[in-house]
PDB file of N, CA and C in Angstrom:
ATOM      1  N   MET A   1      43.909 -48.785 135.710  1.00  0.00           N
ATOM      2  CA  MET A   1      43.777 -47.388 136.064  1.00  0.00           C
ATOM      3  C   MET A   1      42.664 -47.265 137.105  1.00  0.00           C
ATOM      4  N   THR A   2      42.970 -46.615 138.197  1.00  0.00           N
ATOM      5  CA  THR A   2      41.998 -46.479 139.275  1.00  0.00           C
ATOM      6  C   THR A   2      41.064 -45.300 139.013  1.00  0.00           C
ATOM      7  N   MET A   3      40.020 -45.239 139.810  1.00  0.00           N
ATOM      8  CA  MET A   3      39.073 -44.128 139.684  1.00  0.00           C
ATOM      9  C   MET A   3      39.758 -42.794 140.004  1.00  0.00           C
ATOM     10  N   ILE A   4      40.670 -42.783 140.941  1.00  0.00           N
ATOM     11  CA  ILE A   4      41.414 -41.557 141.274  1.00  0.00           C
ATOM     12  C   ILE A   4      42.233 -41.101 140.070  1.00  0.00           C
ATOM     13  N   ASP A   5      42.864 -42.041 139.377  1.00  0.00           N
ATOM     14  CA  ASP A   5      43.633 -41.694 138.173  1.00  0.00           C
ATOM     15  C   ASP A   5      42.726 -41.104 137.097  1.00  0.00           C
ATOM     16  N   ILE A   6      41.567 -41.697 136.923  1.00  0.00           N
ATOM     17  CA  ILE A   6      40.614 -41.193 135.926  1.00  0.00           C
ATOM     18  C   ILE A   6      40.174 -39.787 136.280  1.00  0.00           C
ATOM     19  N   ILE A   7      39.896 -39.541 137.554  1.00  0.00           N
ATOM     20  CA  ILE A   7      39.486 -38.198 137.995  1.00  0.00           C
ATOM     21  C   ILE A   7      40.615 -37.193 137.776  1.00  0.00           C
ATOM     22  N   LYS A   8      41.839 -37.588 138.088  1.00  0.00           N
ATOM     23  CA  LYS A   8      42.987 -36.692 137.864  1.00  0.00           C
ATOM     24  C   LYS A   8      43.127 -36.334 136.392  1.00  0.00           C
ATOM     25  N   TRP A   9      43.012 -37.340 135.506  1.00  0.00           N
ATOM     26  CA  TRP A   9      43.113 -37.082 134.061  1.00  0.00           C
ATOM     27  C   TRP A   9      41.970 -36.196 133.594  1.00  0.00           C
ATOM     28  N   ALA A  10      40.767 -36.439 134.121  1.00  0.00           N
ATOM     29  CA  ALA A  10      39.615 -35.622 133.724  1.00  0.00           C
ATOM     30  C   ALA A  10      39.798 -34.174 134.167  1.00  0.00           C
ATOM     31  N   LEU A  11      40.305 -33.955 135.376  1.00  0.00           N
ATOM     32  CA  LEU A  11      40.548 -32.589 135.853  1.00  0.00           C
ATOM     33  C   LEU A  11      41.647 -31.898 135.051  1.00  0.00           C
ATOM     34  N   LEU A  12      42.678 -32.646 134.701  1.00  0.00           N
ATOM     35  CA  LEU A  12      43.737 -32.090 133.867  1.00  0.00           C
ATOM     36  C   LEU A  12      43.201 -31.699 132.487  1.00  0.00           C
ATOM     37  N   PHE A  13      42.375 -32.569 131.910  1.00  0.00           N
ATOM     38  CA  PHE A  13      41.749 -32.306 130.620  1.00  0.00           C
ATOM     39  C   PHE A  13      40.853 -31.064 130.702  1.00  0.00           C
ATOM     40  N   LEU A  14      40.062 -30.962 131.772  1.00  0.00           N
ATOM     41  CA  LEU A  14      39.188 -29.799 131.957  1.00  0.00           C
ATOM     42  C   LEU A  14      40.009 -28.520 132.089  1.00  0.00           C
ATOM     43  N   ALA A  15      41.071 -28.563 132.896  1.00  0.00           N
ATOM     44  CA  ALA A  15      41.917 -27.385 133.090  1.00  0.00           C
ATOM     45  C   ALA A  15      42.560 -26.944 131.769  1.00  0.00           C
ATOM     46  N   LEU A  16      43.049 -27.905 130.991  1.00  0.00           N
ATOM     47  CA  LEU A  16      43.663 -27.580 129.702  1.00  0.00           C
ATOM     48  C   LEU A  16      42.650 -26.925 128.772  1.00  0.00           C
ATOM     49  N   ASN A  17      41.444 -27.460 128.719  1.00  0.00           N
ATOM     50  CA  ASN A  17      40.432 -26.904 127.824  1.00  0.00           C
ATOM     51  C   ASN A  17      39.950 -25.534 128.285  1.00  0.00           C
ATOM     52  N   LEU A  18      39.877 -25.311 129.580  1.00  0.00           N
ATOM     53  CA  LEU A  18      39.547 -23.972 130.079  1.00  0.00           C
ATOM     54  C   LEU A  18      40.649 -22.971 129.740  1.00  0.00           C
ATOM     55  N   LEU A  19      41.899 -23.411 129.844  1.00  0.00           N
ATOM     56  CA  LEU A  19      43.026 -22.550 129.475  1.00  0.00           C
ATOM     57  C   LEU A  19      42.970 -22.197 127.991  1.00  0.00           C
ATOM     58  N   VAL A  20      42.712 -23.183 127.157  1.00  0.00           N
ATOM     59  CA  VAL A  20      42.629 -22.939 125.714  1.00  0.00           C
ATOM     60  C   VAL A  20      41.474 -21.990 125.407  1.00  0.00           C
ATOM     61  N   PHE A  21      40.319 -22.175 126.064  1.00  0.00           N
ATOM     62  CA  PHE A  21      39.188 -21.266 125.878  1.00  0.00           C
ATOM     63  C   PHE A  21      39.604 -19.841 126.238  1.00  0.00           C
ATOM     64  N   TRP A  22      40.294 -19.674 127.356  1.00  0.00           N
ATOM     65  CA  TRP A  22      40.723 -18.353 127.796  1.00  0.00           C
ATOM     66  C   TRP A  22      41.693 -17.736 126.787  1.00  0.00           C
ATOM     67  N   ILE A  23      42.603 -18.532 126.229  1.00  0.00           N
ATOM     68  CA  ILE A  23      43.553 -18.014 125.246  1.00  0.00           C
ATOM     69  C   ILE A  23      42.824 -17.568 123.980  1.00  0.00           C
ATOM     70  N   TYR A  24      41.823 -18.324 123.542  1.00  0.00           N
ATOM     71  CA  TYR A  24      41.017 -17.907 122.390  1.00  0.00           C
ATOM     72  C   TYR A  24      40.270 -16.602 122.707  1.00  0.00           C
ATOM     73  N   PHE A  25      39.760 -16.491 123.929  1.00  0.00           N
ATOM     74  CA  PHE A  25      39.088 -15.257 124.346  1.00  0.00           C
ATOM     75  C   PHE A  25      40.062 -14.081 124.298  1.00  0.00           C
ATOM     76  N   PHE A  26      41.278 -14.300 124.809  1.00  0.00           N
ATOM     77  CA  PHE A  26      42.305 -13.271 124.791  1.00  0.00           C
ATOM     78  C   PHE A  26      42.604 -12.840 123.359  1.00  0.00           C
ATOM     79  N   ASP A  27      42.710 -13.794 122.433  1.00  0.00           N
ATOM     80  CA  ASP A  27      42.978 -13.476 121.031  1.00  0.00           C
ATOM     81  C   ASP A  27      41.805 -12.720 120.410  1.00  0.00           C
ATOM     82  N   LYS A  28      40.586 -13.090 120.765  1.00  0.00           N
ATOM     83  CA  LYS A  28      39.407 -12.389 120.245  1.00  0.00           C
ATOM     84  C   LYS A  28      39.420 -10.932 120.713  1.00  0.00           C
ATOM     85  N   GLN A  29      39.760 -10.724 121.978  1.00  0.00           N
ATOM     86  CA  GLN A  29      39.842  -9.354 122.499  1.00  0.00           C
ATOM     87  C   GLN A  29      40.946  -8.572 121.784  1.00  0.00           C
ATOM     88  N   ALA A  30      42.065  -9.220 121.534  1.00  0.00           N
ATOM     89  CA  ALA A  30      43.161  -8.551 120.815  1.00  0.00           C
ATOM     90  C   ALA A  30      42.708  -8.161 119.411  1.00  0.00           C
ATOM     91  N   ALA A  31      41.928  -9.019 118.769  1.00  0.00           N
ATOM     92  CA  ALA A  31      41.428  -8.712 117.427  1.00  0.00           C
ATOM     93  C   ALA A  31      40.488  -7.505 117.467  1.00  0.00           C
ATOM     94  N   ARG A  32      39.654  -7.453 118.470  1.00  0.00           N
ATOM     95  CA  ARG A  32      38.698  -6.331 118.580  1.00  0.00           C
ATOM     96  C   ARG A  32      39.385  -4.993 118.797  1.00  0.00           C
ATOM     97  N   TYR A  33      40.472  -5.005 119.580  1.00  0.00           N
ATOM     98  CA  TYR A  33      41.109  -3.750 119.978  1.00  0.00           C
ATOM     99  C   TYR A  33      42.426  -3.470 119.268  1.00  0.00           C
ATOM    100  N   GLY A  34      42.717  -4.230 118.211  1.00  0.00           N
ATOM    101  CA  GLY A  34      43.892  -3.971 117.400  1.00  0.00           C
ATOM    102  C   GLY A  34      45.213  -4.241 118.101  1.00  0.00           C
ATOM    103  N   ARG A  35      45.227  -5.146 119.030  1.00  0.00           N
ATOM    104  CA  ARG A  35      46.457  -5.483 119.742  1.00  0.00           C
ATOM    105  C   ARG A  35      47.141  -6.681 119.081  1.00  0.00           C
ATOM    106  N   ARG A  36      48.309  -7.005 119.609  1.00  0.00           N
ATOM    107  CA  ARG A  36      49.091  -8.137 119.094  1.00  0.00           C
ATOM    108  C   ARG A  36      48.292  -9.430 119.249  1.00  0.00           C
ATOM    109  N   ARG A  37      48.264 -10.232 118.163  1.00  0.00           N
ATOM    110  CA  ARG A  37      47.458 -11.452 118.108  1.00  0.00           C
ATOM    111  C   ARG A  37      48.293 -12.687 118.378  1.00  0.00           C
ATOM    112  N   ILE A  38      47.609 -13.757 118.707  1.00  0.00           N
ATOM    113  CA  ILE A  38      48.225 -15.074 118.861  1.00  0.00           C
ATOM    114  C   ILE A  38      48.154 -15.746 117.495  1.00  0.00           C
ATOM    115  N   SER A  39      49.242 -16.369 117.082  1.00  0.00           N
ATOM    116  CA  SER A  39      49.272 -16.952 115.741  1.00  0.00           C
ATOM    117  C   SER A  39      48.295 -18.121 115.633  1.00  0.00           C
ATOM    118  N   GLU A  40      47.801 -18.326 114.415  1.00  0.00           N
ATOM    119  CA  GLU A  40      46.902 -19.457 114.174  1.00  0.00           C
ATOM    120  C   GLU A  40      47.605 -20.772 114.457  1.00  0.00           C
ATOM    121  N   ARG A  41      48.870 -20.839 114.153  1.00  0.00           N
ATOM    122  CA  ARG A  41      49.646 -22.060 114.420  1.00  0.00           C
ATOM    123  C   ARG A  41      49.614 -22.396 115.917  1.00  0.00           C
ATOM    124  N   THR A  42      49.796 -21.388 116.757  1.00  0.00           N
ATOM    125  CA  THR A  42      49.764 -21.607 118.204  1.00  0.00           C
ATOM    126  C   THR A  42      48.374 -22.038 118.657  1.00  0.00           C
ATOM    127  N   LEU A  43      47.342 -21.397 118.149  1.00  0.00           N
ATOM    128  CA  LEU A  43      45.970 -21.759 118.515  1.00  0.00           C
ATOM    129  C   LEU A  43      45.662 -23.205 118.125  1.00  0.00           C
ATOM    130  N   LEU A  44      46.088 -23.606 116.942  1.00  0.00           N
ATOM    131  CA  LEU A  44      45.851 -24.981 116.504  1.00  0.00           C
ATOM    132  C   LEU A  44      46.696 -25.980 117.291  1.00  0.00           C
ATOM    133  N   LEU A  45      47.908 -25.600 117.639  1.00  0.00           N
ATOM    134  CA  LEU A  45      48.753 -26.478 118.450  1.00  0.00           C
ATOM    135  C   LEU A  45      48.130 -26.717 119.823  1.00  0.00           C
ATOM    136  N   LEU A  46      47.571 -25.673 120.415  1.00  0.00           N
ATOM    137  CA  LEU A  46      46.888 -25.830 121.701  1.00  0.00           C
ATOM    138  C   LEU A  46      45.706 -26.785 121.585  1.00  0.00           C
ATOM    139  N   ALA A  47      44.993 -26.706 120.478  1.00  0.00           N
ATOM    140  CA  ALA A  47      43.888 -27.634 120.249  1.00  0.00           C
ATOM    141  C   ALA A  47      44.413 -29.048 120.077  1.00  0.00           C
ATOM    142  N   LEU A  48      45.510 -29.198 119.359  1.00  0.00           N
ATOM    143  CA  LEU A  48      46.066 -30.522 119.074  1.00  0.00           C
ATOM    144  C   LEU A  48      46.572 -31.224 120.332  1.00  0.00           C
ATOM    145  N   ILE A  49      47.150 -30.496 121.269  1.00  0.00           N
ATOM    146  CA  ILE A  49      47.708 -31.141 122.466  1.00  0.00           C
ATOM    147  C   ILE A  49      46.628 -31.513 123.484  1.00  0.00           C
ATOM    148  N   GLY A  50      45.367 -31.294 123.138  1.00  0.00           N
ATOM    149  CA  GLY A  50      44.300 -31.748 124.017  1.00  0.00           C
ATOM    150  C   GLY A  50      43.230 -30.725 124.293  1.00  0.00           C
ATOM    151  N   GLY A  51      43.375 -29.526 123.777  1.00  0.00           N
ATOM    152  CA  GLY A  51      42.405 -28.479 124.056  1.00  0.00           C
ATOM    153  C   GLY A  51      41.380 -28.278 122.959  1.00  0.00           C
ATOM    154  N   SER A  52      41.077 -29.324 122.207  1.00  0.00           N
ATOM    155  CA  SER A  52      40.180 -29.164 121.062  1.00  0.00           C
ATOM    156  C   SER A  52      38.759 -28.794 121.476  1.00  0.00           C
ATOM    157  N   LEU A  53      38.271 -29.339 122.583  1.00  0.00           N
ATOM    158  CA  LEU A  53      36.909 -28.982 123.015  1.00  0.00           C
ATOM    159  C   LEU A  53      36.837 -27.526 123.453  1.00  0.00           C
ATOM    160  N   GLY A  54      37.846 -27.062 124.162  1.00  0.00           N
ATOM    161  CA  GLY A  54      37.898 -25.653 124.556  1.00  0.00           C
ATOM    162  C   GLY A  54      38.015 -24.739 123.353  1.00  0.00           C
ATOM    163  N   ALA A  55      38.788 -25.164 122.358  1.00  0.00           N
ATOM    164  CA  ALA A  55      38.961 -24.369 121.140  1.00  0.00           C
ATOM    165  C   ALA A  55      37.652 -24.271 120.363  1.00  0.00           C
ATOM    166  N   VAL A  56      36.968 -25.394 120.189  1.00  0.00           N
ATOM    167  CA  VAL A  56      35.704 -25.389 119.448  1.00  0.00           C
ATOM    168  C   VAL A  56      34.640 -24.613 120.219  1.00  0.00           C
ATOM    169  N   ALA A  57      34.615 -24.776 121.533  1.00  0.00           N
ATOM    170  CA  ALA A  57      33.646 -24.022 122.345  1.00  0.00           C
ATOM    171  C   ALA A  57      33.891 -22.519 122.207  1.00  0.00           C
ATOM    172  N   ALA A  58      35.153 -22.112 122.279  1.00  0.00           N
ATOM    173  CA  ALA A  58      35.478 -20.693 122.123  1.00  0.00           C
ATOM    174  C   ALA A  58      35.139 -20.210 120.726  1.00  0.00           C
ATOM    175  N   GLN A  59      35.428 -21.023 119.735  1.00  0.00           N
ATOM    176  CA  GLN A  59      35.134 -20.635 118.356  1.00  0.00           C
ATOM    177  C   GLN A  59      33.638 -20.378 118.187  1.00  0.00           C
ATOM    178  N   GLN A  60      32.820 -21.241 118.730  1.00  0.00           N
ATOM    179  CA  GLN A  60      31.374 -21.109 118.553  1.00  0.00           C
ATOM    180  C   GLN A  60      30.773 -20.039 119.462  1.00  0.00           C
ATOM    181  N   LEU A  61      31.140 -20.029 120.734  1.00  0.00           N
ATOM    182  CA  LEU A  61      30.561 -19.079 121.674  1.00  0.00           C
ATOM    183  C   LEU A  61      31.043 -17.650 121.454  1.00  0.00           C
ATOM    184  N   LEU A  62      32.306 -17.504 121.092  1.00  0.00           N
ATOM    185  CA  LEU A  62      32.875 -16.166 120.891  1.00  0.00           C
ATOM    186  C   LEU A  62      32.808 -15.705 119.441  1.00  0.00           C
ATOM    187  N   ARG A  63      32.359 -16.616 118.553  1.00  0.00           N
ATOM    188  CA  ARG A  63      32.330 -16.332 117.112  1.00  0.00           C
ATOM    189  C   ARG A  63      33.724 -15.916 116.637  1.00  0.00           C
ATOM    190  N   HIS A  64      34.711 -16.724 117.011  1.00  0.00           N
ATOM    191  CA  HIS A  64      36.101 -16.408 116.714  1.00  0.00           C
ATOM    192  C   HIS A  64      36.652 -17.393 115.690  1.00  0.00           C
ATOM    193  N   LYS A  65      37.076 -16.883 114.561  1.00  0.00           N
ATOM    194  CA  LYS A  65      37.662 -17.660 113.459  1.00  0.00           C
ATOM    195  C   LYS A  65      36.670 -18.678 112.896  1.00  0.00           C
ATOM    196  N   THR A  66      35.414 -18.310 112.824  1.00  0.00           N
ATOM    197  CA  THR A  66      34.404 -19.230 112.298  1.00  0.00           C
ATOM    198  C   THR A  66      34.381 -19.264 110.774  1.00  0.00           C
ATOM    199  N   ARG A  67      34.869 -18.214 110.137  1.00  0.00           N
ATOM    200  CA  ARG A  67      34.876 -18.176 108.666  1.00  0.00           C
ATOM    201  C   ARG A  67      36.272 -18.331 108.090  1.00  0.00           C
ATOM    202  N   LYS A  68      37.258 -18.450 108.921  1.00  0.00           N
ATOM    203  CA  LYS A  68      38.664 -18.479 108.482  1.00  0.00           C
ATOM    204  C   LYS A  68      39.047 -19.896 108.045  1.00  0.00           C
ATOM    205  N   GLU A  69      39.335 -20.049 106.764  1.00  0.00           N
ATOM    206  CA  GLU A  69      39.822 -21.329 106.228  1.00  0.00           C
ATOM    207  C   GLU A  69      41.302 -21.185 105.928  1.00  0.00           C
ATOM    208  N   PRO A  70      42.126 -22.174 106.114  1.00  0.00           N
ATOM    209  CA  PRO A  70      41.811 -23.552 106.482  1.00  0.00           C
ATOM    210  C   PRO A  70      41.739 -23.784 107.990  1.00  0.00           C
ATOM    211  N   PHE A  71      41.819 -22.712 108.797  1.00  0.00           N
ATOM    212  CA  PHE A  71      41.793 -22.856 110.250  1.00  0.00           C
ATOM    213  C   PHE A  71      40.594 -23.686 110.707  1.00  0.00           C
ATOM    214  N   ARG A  72      39.434 -23.355 110.208  1.00  0.00           N
ATOM    215  CA  ARG A  72      38.201 -24.033 110.620  1.00  0.00           C
ATOM    216  C   ARG A  72      38.252 -25.522 110.309  1.00  0.00           C
ATOM    217  N   SER A  73      38.710 -25.874 109.140  1.00  0.00           N
ATOM    218  CA  SER A  73      38.787 -27.281 108.736  1.00  0.00           C
ATOM    219  C   SER A  73      39.840 -28.049 109.536  1.00  0.00           C
ATOM    220  N   ILE A  74      40.957 -27.419 109.799  1.00  0.00           N
ATOM    221  CA  ILE A  74      42.007 -28.079 110.578  1.00  0.00           C
ATOM    222  C   ILE A  74      41.526 -28.323 111.999  1.00  0.00           C
ATOM    223  N   LEU A  75      40.855 -27.339 112.580  1.00  0.00           N
ATOM    224  CA  LEU A  75      40.316 -27.509 113.930  1.00  0.00           C
ATOM    225  C   LEU A  75      39.287 -28.635 113.971  1.00  0.00           C
ATOM    226  N   ALA A  76      38.445 -28.719 112.961  1.00  0.00           N
ATOM    227  CA  ALA A  76      37.469 -29.818 112.890  1.00  0.00           C
ATOM    228  C   ALA A  76      38.175 -31.165 112.775  1.00  0.00           C
ATOM    229  N   ALA A  77      39.249 -31.223 112.001  1.00  0.00           N
ATOM    230  CA  ALA A  77      40.010 -32.468 111.847  1.00  0.00           C
ATOM    231  C   ALA A  77      40.657 -32.881 113.174  1.00  0.00           C
ATOM    232  N   ILE A  78      41.158 -31.910 113.913  1.00  0.00           N
ATOM    233  CA  ILE A  78      41.751 -32.205 115.224  1.00  0.00           C
ATOM    234  C   ILE A  78      40.688 -32.762 116.165  1.00  0.00           C
ATOM    235  N   LEU A  79      39.507 -32.173 116.154  1.00  0.00           N
ATOM    236  CA  LEU A  79      38.416 -32.652 116.999  1.00  0.00           C
ATOM    237  C   LEU A  79      38.032 -34.083 116.630  1.00  0.00           C
ATOM    238  N   ILE A  80      37.959 -34.375 115.347  1.00  0.00           N
ATOM    239  CA  ILE A  80      37.643 -35.737 114.891  1.00  0.00           C
ATOM    240  C   ILE A  80      38.749 -36.707 115.309  1.00  0.00           C
ATOM    241  N   LEU A  81      40.000 -36.296 115.180  1.00  0.00           N
ATOM    242  CA  LEU A  81      41.120 -37.126 115.606  1.00  0.00           C
ATOM    243  C   LEU A  81      41.027 -37.459 117.088  1.00  0.00           C
ATOM    244  N   HIS A  82      40.751 -36.456 117.900  1.00  0.00           N
ATOM    245  CA  HIS A  82      40.617 -36.690 119.341  1.00  0.00           C
ATOM    246  C   HIS A  82      39.452 -37.621 119.645  1.00  0.00           C
ATOM    247  N   GLY A  83      38.349 -37.442 118.948  1.00  0.00           N
ATOM    248  CA  GLY A  83      37.203 -38.340 119.141  1.00  0.00           C
ATOM    249  C   GLY A  83      37.549 -39.776 118.783  1.00  0.00           C
ATOM    250  N   ALA A  84      38.280 -39.937 117.692  1.00  0.00           N
ATOM    251  CA  ALA A  84      38.684 -41.284 117.275  1.00  0.00           C
ATOM    252  C   ALA A  84      39.633 -41.917 118.292  1.00  0.00           C
ATOM    253  N   LEU A  85      40.568 -41.144 118.803  1.00  0.00           N
ATOM    254  CA  LEU A  85      41.492 -41.674 119.814  1.00  0.00           C
ATOM    255  C   LEU A  85      40.754 -42.096 121.082  1.00  0.00           C
ATOM    256  N   ILE A  86      39.809 -41.295 121.507  1.00  0.00           N
ATOM    257  CA  ILE A  86      39.023 -41.645 122.697  1.00  0.00           C
ATOM    258  C   ILE A  86      38.211 -42.899 122.437  1.00  0.00           C
ATOM    259  N   ALA A  87      37.625 -43.007 121.261  1.00  0.00           N
ATOM    260  CA  ALA A  87      36.840 -44.196 120.922  1.00  0.00           C
ATOM    261  C   ALA A  87      37.715 -45.440 120.915  1.00  0.00           C
ATOM    262  N   VAL A  88      38.901 -45.347 120.340  1.00  0.00           N
ATOM    263  CA  VAL A  88      39.809 -46.494 120.314  1.00  0.00           C
ATOM    264  C   VAL A  88      40.188 -46.906 121.733  1.00  0.00           C
ATOM    265  N   LEU A  89      40.529 -45.931 122.570  1.00  0.00           N
ATOM    266  CA  LEU A  89      40.914 -46.257 123.944  1.00  0.00           C
ATOM    267  C   LEU A  89      39.741 -46.823 124.743  1.00  0.00           C
ATOM    268  N   ALA A  90      38.529 -46.381 124.424  1.00  0.00           N
ATOM    269  CA  ALA A  90      37.354 -46.878 125.139  1.00  0.00           C
ATOM    270  C   ALA A  90      36.964 -48.280 124.693  1.00  0.00           C
ATOM    271  N   PHE A  91      37.084 -48.554 123.397  1.00  0.00           N
ATOM    272  CA  PHE A  91      36.613 -49.837 122.874  1.00  0.00           C
ATOM    273  C   PHE A  91      37.698 -50.897 122.749  1.00  0.00           C
ATOM    274  N   VAL A  92      38.943 -50.478 122.900  1.00  0.00           N
ATOM    275  CA  VAL A  92      40.043 -51.445 122.880  1.00  0.00           C
ATOM    276  C   VAL A  92      40.850 -51.204 124.161  1.00  0.00           C
ATOM    277  N   PRO A  93      40.301 -51.601 125.310  1.00  0.00           N
ATOM    278  CA  PRO A  93      40.925 -51.239 126.589  1.00  0.00           C
ATOM    279  C   PRO A  93      42.337 -51.787 126.784  1.00  0.00           C
ATOM    280  N   GLN A  94      42.674 -52.876 126.141  1.00  0.00           N
ATOM    281  CA  GLN A  94      44.029 -53.400 126.313  1.00  0.00           C
ATOM    282  C   GLN A  94      45.071 -52.438 125.755  1.00  0.00           C
ATOM    283  N   TRP A  95      44.726 -51.612 124.768  1.00  0.00           N
ATOM    284  CA  TRP A  95      45.657 -50.615 124.256  1.00  0.00           C
ATOM    285  C   TRP A  95      45.907 -49.533 125.292  1.00  0.00           C
ATOM    286  N   SER A  96      44.854 -49.130 125.993  1.00  0.00           N
ATOM    287  CA  SER A  96      45.013 -48.074 126.987  1.00  0.00           C
ATOM    288  C   SER A  96      45.921 -48.526 128.126  1.00  0.00           C
ATOM    289  N   LEU A  97      45.962 -49.825 128.411  1.00  0.00           N
ATOM    290  CA  LEU A  97      46.854 -50.322 129.453  1.00  0.00           C
ATOM    291  C   LEU A  97      48.318 -50.269 129.015  1.00  0.00           C
ATOM    292  N   LEU A  98      48.578 -50.330 127.718  1.00  0.00           N
ATOM    293  CA  LEU A  98      49.941 -50.303 127.214  1.00  0.00           C
ATOM    294  C   LEU A  98      50.508 -48.893 127.087  1.00  0.00           C
ATOM    295  N   LEU A  99      49.656 -47.901 126.982  1.00  0.00           N
ATOM    296  CA  LEU A  99      50.135 -46.537 126.744  1.00  0.00           C
ATOM    297  C   LEU A  99      51.102 -46.006 127.781  1.00  0.00           C
ATOM    298  N   PRO A 100      50.814 -46.095 129.086  1.00  0.00           N
ATOM    299  CA  PRO A 100      51.770 -45.522 130.032  1.00  0.00           C
ATOM    300  C   PRO A 100      53.157 -46.153 129.954  1.00  0.00           C
ATOM    301  N   ARG A 101      53.257 -47.421 129.655  1.00  0.00           N
ATOM    302  CA  ARG A 101      54.560 -48.079 129.563  1.00  0.00           C
ATOM    303  C   ARG A 101      55.286 -47.723 128.275  1.00  0.00           C
ATOM    304  N   ASP A 102      54.545 -47.509 127.184  1.00  0.00           N
ATOM    305  CA  ASP A 102      55.179 -47.196 125.895  1.00  0.00           C
ATOM    306  C   ASP A 102      55.666 -45.765 125.821  1.00  0.00           C
ATOM    307  N   PHE A 103      54.994 -44.869 126.488  1.00  0.00           N
ATOM    308  CA  PHE A 103      55.361 -43.455 126.404  1.00  0.00           C
ATOM    309  C   PHE A 103      56.090 -43.087 127.647  1.00  0.00           C
TER     310      PHE A 103
END
């Protein structure tokens, strides 16, 4: 993987997390003003597909769904899962070389 590829993946990751943060902000505003909400399932799915940092940042900065269980625990589990996957890819580089061909 070249440095350009790494930069592209990092920018994609940043864009996804900013989008997830914005969606959490939108849901927080809907909660404040009694408008239609985004389902918890959708919010967690967005975190699972790669937006976990944006979701946790929004949760903490916006004080959104901080007391809601099991949402809080599931989001924490997703964050731990993502951390573990990154650690595996970082410390076992031969696996990261196989991923593009397998998927």
